[in-house]
């Protein structure tokens, strides 16, 4: 018996608004900095965790607005059972 789950329940507490074209939903934006030399942050890696059913087919270079800030898609990877995906942004 397959379990039916509502992915929006997982995103409602910490999710921020995400829009790409006419598709909108919630996602969790991670912005870890990478310390490379002398305790200085050299780069930030933006990763968005969101629903695969809404954002899993985004193509490289597609514009995505996350919490009012515009990003471009670098890569989309499905996570675990495919309910969620991680979108690398720049």
N, C-alpha and C. Protein backbone atom coordinates (compact mmCIF):
# COMPACT_ATOMS: atom_id res chain seq x y z
N UNK A 1 0.83 -1.17 0.00
CA UNK A 1 0.00 0.00 0.00
C UNK A 1 0.88 1.25 0.00
N UNK A 2 0.70 2.09 -0.98
CA UNK A 2 1.48 3.31 -1.09
C UNK A 2 0.96 4.36 -0.11
N UNK A 3 1.87 5.10 0.48
CA UNK A 3 1.49 6.18 1.37
C UNK A 3 1.36 7.46 0.56
N UNK A 4 0.29 8.18 0.81
CA UNK A 4 0.10 9.47 0.17
C UNK A 4 0.54 10.54 1.17
N UNK A 5 1.40 11.43 0.72
CA UNK A 5 1.87 12.47 1.62
C UNK A 5 1.74 13.83 0.95
N UNK A 6 1.49 14.82 1.76
CA UNK A 6 1.37 16.19 1.28
C UNK A 6 2.69 16.89 1.57
N UNK A 7 3.47 17.12 0.53
CA UNK A 7 4.80 17.70 0.68
C UNK A 7 4.75 19.12 1.24
N UNK A 8 3.66 19.84 1.03
CA UNK A 8 3.59 21.21 1.53
C UNK A 8 3.62 21.26 3.06
N UNK A 9 3.19 20.18 3.72
CA UNK A 9 3.23 20.15 5.18
C UNK A 9 4.67 20.25 5.68
N UNK A 10 5.61 19.65 4.96
CA UNK A 10 7.01 19.68 5.36
C UNK A 10 7.63 21.07 5.15
N UNK A 11 7.04 21.86 4.26
CA UNK A 11 7.62 23.15 3.91
C UNK A 11 6.95 24.34 4.60
N UNK A 12 5.78 24.14 5.19
CA UNK A 12 5.00 25.27 5.67
C UNK A 12 5.64 26.06 6.81
N UNK A 13 6.43 25.44 7.65
CA UNK A 13 7.04 26.16 8.77
C UNK A 13 8.26 26.99 8.39
N UNK A 14 9.09 26.45 7.49
CA UNK A 14 10.35 27.12 7.16
C UNK A 14 10.43 27.56 5.70
N UNK A 15 9.43 27.24 4.92
CA UNK A 15 9.47 27.54 3.49
C UNK A 15 9.28 29.01 3.19
N UNK A 16 9.88 29.43 2.09
CA UNK A 16 9.73 30.78 1.57
C UNK A 16 9.08 30.68 0.19
N UNK A 17 8.46 31.75 -0.30
CA UNK A 17 7.80 31.70 -1.60
C UNK A 17 8.80 31.48 -2.74
N UNK A 18 8.42 30.57 -3.65
CA UNK A 18 9.23 30.25 -4.83
C UNK A 18 8.33 30.36 -6.05
N UNK A 19 8.83 31.03 -7.10
CA UNK A 19 8.08 31.17 -8.34
C UNK A 19 9.01 30.98 -9.52
N UNK A 20 8.53 30.20 -10.48
CA UNK A 20 9.23 30.05 -11.75
C UNK A 20 8.16 30.02 -12.84
N UNK A 21 8.11 31.07 -13.64
CA UNK A 21 7.05 31.18 -14.63
C UNK A 21 5.71 31.31 -13.95
N UNK A 22 4.77 30.40 -14.29
CA UNK A 22 3.44 30.44 -13.67
C UNK A 22 3.33 29.49 -12.48
N UNK A 23 4.41 28.76 -12.19
CA UNK A 23 4.41 27.78 -11.08
C UNK A 23 4.91 28.46 -9.82
N UNK A 24 4.17 28.27 -8.73
CA UNK A 24 4.62 28.81 -7.45
C UNK A 24 4.40 27.78 -6.35
N UNK A 25 5.16 27.93 -5.29
CA UNK A 25 5.08 27.02 -4.16
C UNK A 25 5.99 27.51 -3.05
N UNK A 26 6.37 26.59 -2.19
CA UNK A 26 7.28 26.90 -1.09
C UNK A 26 8.56 26.10 -1.25
N UNK A 27 9.64 26.66 -0.73
CA UNK A 27 10.92 25.95 -0.74
C UNK A 27 11.77 26.42 0.42
N UNK A 28 12.78 25.65 0.73
CA UNK A 28 13.73 26.00 1.80
C UNK A 28 15.06 26.33 1.15
N UNK A 29 15.49 27.57 1.33
CA UNK A 29 16.74 28.05 0.72
C UNK A 29 17.88 27.92 1.71
N UNK A 30 18.92 27.19 1.33
CA UNK A 30 20.14 27.08 2.12
C UNK A 30 21.21 27.92 1.43
N UNK A 31 21.98 28.66 2.23
CA UNK A 31 23.03 29.52 1.68
C UNK A 31 24.33 29.33 2.44
N UNK A 32 24.89 28.11 2.45
CA UNK A 32 26.13 27.91 3.20
C UNK A 32 27.31 28.60 2.51
N UNK A 33 28.12 29.26 3.29
CA UNK A 33 29.33 29.88 2.76
C UNK A 33 30.48 28.91 2.83
N UNK A 34 31.39 29.03 1.91
CA UNK A 34 32.56 28.16 1.89
C UNK A 34 33.77 28.96 2.34
N UNK A 35 34.39 28.53 3.45
CA UNK A 35 35.58 29.18 3.95
C UNK A 35 36.77 28.55 3.25
N UNK A 36 37.51 29.37 2.53
CA UNK A 36 38.60 28.84 1.74
C UNK A 36 39.96 29.20 2.32
N UNK A 37 40.15 30.47 2.70
CA UNK A 37 41.47 30.89 3.14
C UNK A 37 41.36 32.00 4.19
N UNK A 38 42.14 31.91 5.22
CA UNK A 38 42.22 32.93 6.26
C UNK A 38 40.86 33.29 6.86
N UNK A 39 40.01 32.30 7.08
CA UNK A 39 38.69 32.51 7.67
C UNK A 39 37.81 33.48 6.89
N UNK A 40 38.02 33.59 5.59
CA UNK A 40 37.21 34.46 4.74
C UNK A 40 36.25 33.63 3.90
N UNK A 41 35.01 34.08 3.81
CA UNK A 41 34.04 33.41 2.95
C UNK A 41 34.30 33.86 1.52
N UNK A 42 34.61 32.91 0.69
CA UNK A 42 34.94 33.21 -0.70
C UNK A 42 33.72 33.04 -1.60
N UNK A 43 32.89 32.06 -1.32
CA UNK A 43 31.73 31.83 -2.16
C UNK A 43 30.55 31.34 -1.33
N UNK A 44 29.37 31.47 -1.90
CA UNK A 44 28.15 30.98 -1.27
C UNK A 44 27.48 30.03 -2.24
N UNK A 45 27.08 28.87 -1.75
CA UNK A 45 26.42 27.87 -2.57
C UNK A 45 24.94 27.90 -2.24
N UNK A 46 24.10 28.36 -3.17
CA UNK A 46 22.67 28.49 -2.96
C UNK A 46 21.97 27.20 -3.39
N UNK A 47 21.24 26.58 -2.46
CA UNK A 47 20.50 25.35 -2.75
C UNK A 47 19.07 25.50 -2.27
N UNK A 48 18.14 25.17 -3.14
CA UNK A 48 16.72 25.26 -2.83
C UNK A 48 16.14 23.86 -2.75
N UNK A 49 15.53 23.51 -1.64
CA UNK A 49 14.82 22.23 -1.50
C UNK A 49 13.34 22.52 -1.68
N UNK A 50 12.73 21.85 -2.66
CA UNK A 50 11.33 22.12 -2.99
C UNK A 50 10.68 20.86 -3.55
N UNK A 51 9.40 20.97 -3.90
CA UNK A 51 8.64 19.83 -4.40
C UNK A 51 9.05 19.49 -5.84
N UNK A 52 9.36 18.23 -6.06
CA UNK A 52 9.71 17.77 -7.41
C UNK A 52 8.55 17.91 -8.37
N UNK A 53 7.33 17.72 -7.88
CA UNK A 53 6.17 17.81 -8.75
C UNK A 53 5.98 19.21 -9.33
N UNK A 54 6.50 20.22 -8.64
CA UNK A 54 6.37 21.60 -9.11
C UNK A 54 7.63 22.10 -9.80
N UNK A 55 8.80 21.78 -9.24
CA UNK A 55 10.03 22.39 -9.72
C UNK A 55 11.08 21.38 -10.19
N UNK A 56 10.75 20.11 -10.25
CA UNK A 56 11.72 19.08 -10.61
C UNK A 56 12.16 19.07 -12.05
N UNK A 57 11.44 19.75 -12.93
CA UNK A 57 11.79 19.75 -14.35
C UNK A 57 12.42 21.07 -14.81
N UNK A 58 12.87 21.88 -13.87
CA UNK A 58 13.51 23.14 -14.25
C UNK A 58 14.78 22.87 -15.05
N UNK A 59 15.00 23.66 -16.07
CA UNK A 59 16.17 23.49 -16.94
C UNK A 59 17.29 24.44 -16.52
N UNK A 60 18.49 24.10 -16.93
CA UNK A 60 19.66 24.95 -16.68
C UNK A 60 19.39 26.36 -17.20
N UNK A 61 19.66 27.34 -16.36
CA UNK A 61 19.49 28.74 -16.74
C UNK A 61 18.10 29.30 -16.53
N UNK A 62 17.14 28.48 -16.14
CA UNK A 62 15.78 28.96 -15.93
C UNK A 62 15.75 29.95 -14.76
N UNK A 63 14.99 31.02 -14.88
CA UNK A 63 14.89 31.98 -13.77
C UNK A 63 13.96 31.46 -12.68
N UNK A 64 14.36 31.65 -11.43
CA UNK A 64 13.58 31.25 -10.27
C UNK A 64 13.64 32.38 -9.26
N UNK A 65 12.47 32.82 -8.80
CA UNK A 65 12.42 33.84 -7.77
C UNK A 65 12.18 33.17 -6.43
N UNK A 66 13.11 33.40 -5.50
CA UNK A 66 13.02 32.79 -4.17
C UNK A 66 12.99 33.91 -3.14
N UNK A 67 11.87 34.02 -2.45
CA UNK A 67 11.70 35.03 -1.41
C UNK A 67 12.04 36.43 -1.92
N UNK A 68 11.62 36.72 -3.16
CA UNK A 68 11.80 38.04 -3.74
C UNK A 68 13.13 38.27 -4.44
N UNK A 69 14.02 37.29 -4.45
CA UNK A 69 15.33 37.42 -5.08
C UNK A 69 15.39 36.50 -6.31
N UNK A 70 15.87 37.02 -7.43
CA UNK A 70 15.93 36.25 -8.67
C UNK A 70 17.25 35.48 -8.78
N UNK A 71 17.14 34.18 -9.08
CA UNK A 71 18.29 33.29 -9.26
C UNK A 71 18.17 32.59 -10.61
N UNK A 72 19.25 31.92 -11.01
CA UNK A 72 19.24 31.06 -12.20
C UNK A 72 19.54 29.63 -11.78
N UNK A 73 18.88 28.67 -12.43
CA UNK A 73 19.07 27.26 -12.12
C UNK A 73 20.40 26.77 -12.68
N UNK A 74 21.15 26.06 -11.85
CA UNK A 74 22.38 25.40 -12.31
C UNK A 74 22.14 23.91 -12.51
N UNK A 75 21.43 23.29 -11.57
CA UNK A 75 21.24 21.84 -11.61
C UNK A 75 20.06 21.46 -10.73
N UNK A 76 19.35 20.40 -11.11
CA UNK A 76 18.24 19.88 -10.32
C UNK A 76 18.50 18.40 -10.03
N UNK A 77 18.44 18.02 -8.75
CA UNK A 77 18.63 16.63 -8.35
C UNK A 77 17.47 16.20 -7.47
N UNK A 78 16.92 15.03 -7.75
CA UNK A 78 15.86 14.48 -6.89
C UNK A 78 16.49 13.96 -5.61
N UNK A 79 15.73 14.06 -4.51
CA UNK A 79 16.21 13.65 -3.19
C UNK A 79 15.39 12.45 -2.72
N UNK A 80 16.05 11.45 -2.19
CA UNK A 80 15.43 10.26 -1.60
C UNK A 80 14.40 9.63 -2.53
N UNK A 81 13.12 9.67 -2.16
CA UNK A 81 12.08 9.00 -2.96
C UNK A 81 11.58 9.85 -4.11
N UNK A 82 12.12 11.05 -4.30
CA UNK A 82 11.74 11.91 -5.41
C UNK A 82 10.62 12.88 -5.09
N UNK A 83 10.11 12.88 -3.88
CA UNK A 83 9.08 13.85 -3.51
C UNK A 83 9.65 15.25 -3.54
N UNK A 84 10.90 15.37 -3.08
CA UNK A 84 11.58 16.67 -3.06
C UNK A 84 12.77 16.65 -4.03
N UNK A 85 13.19 17.85 -4.41
CA UNK A 85 14.40 17.96 -5.22
C UNK A 85 15.24 19.09 -4.64
N UNK A 86 16.52 19.06 -4.96
CA UNK A 86 17.43 20.14 -4.60
C UNK A 86 17.82 20.85 -5.88
N UNK A 87 17.60 22.14 -5.90
CA UNK A 87 17.90 22.96 -7.06
C UNK A 87 19.12 23.82 -6.71
N UNK A 88 20.22 23.61 -7.42
CA UNK A 88 21.40 24.46 -7.24
C UNK A 88 21.17 25.75 -8.00
N UNK A 89 21.40 26.87 -7.32
CA UNK A 89 21.11 28.18 -7.90
C UNK A 89 22.36 29.04 -7.97
N UNK A 90 22.33 29.99 -8.87
CA UNK A 90 23.40 30.99 -8.92
C UNK A 90 22.77 32.34 -9.16
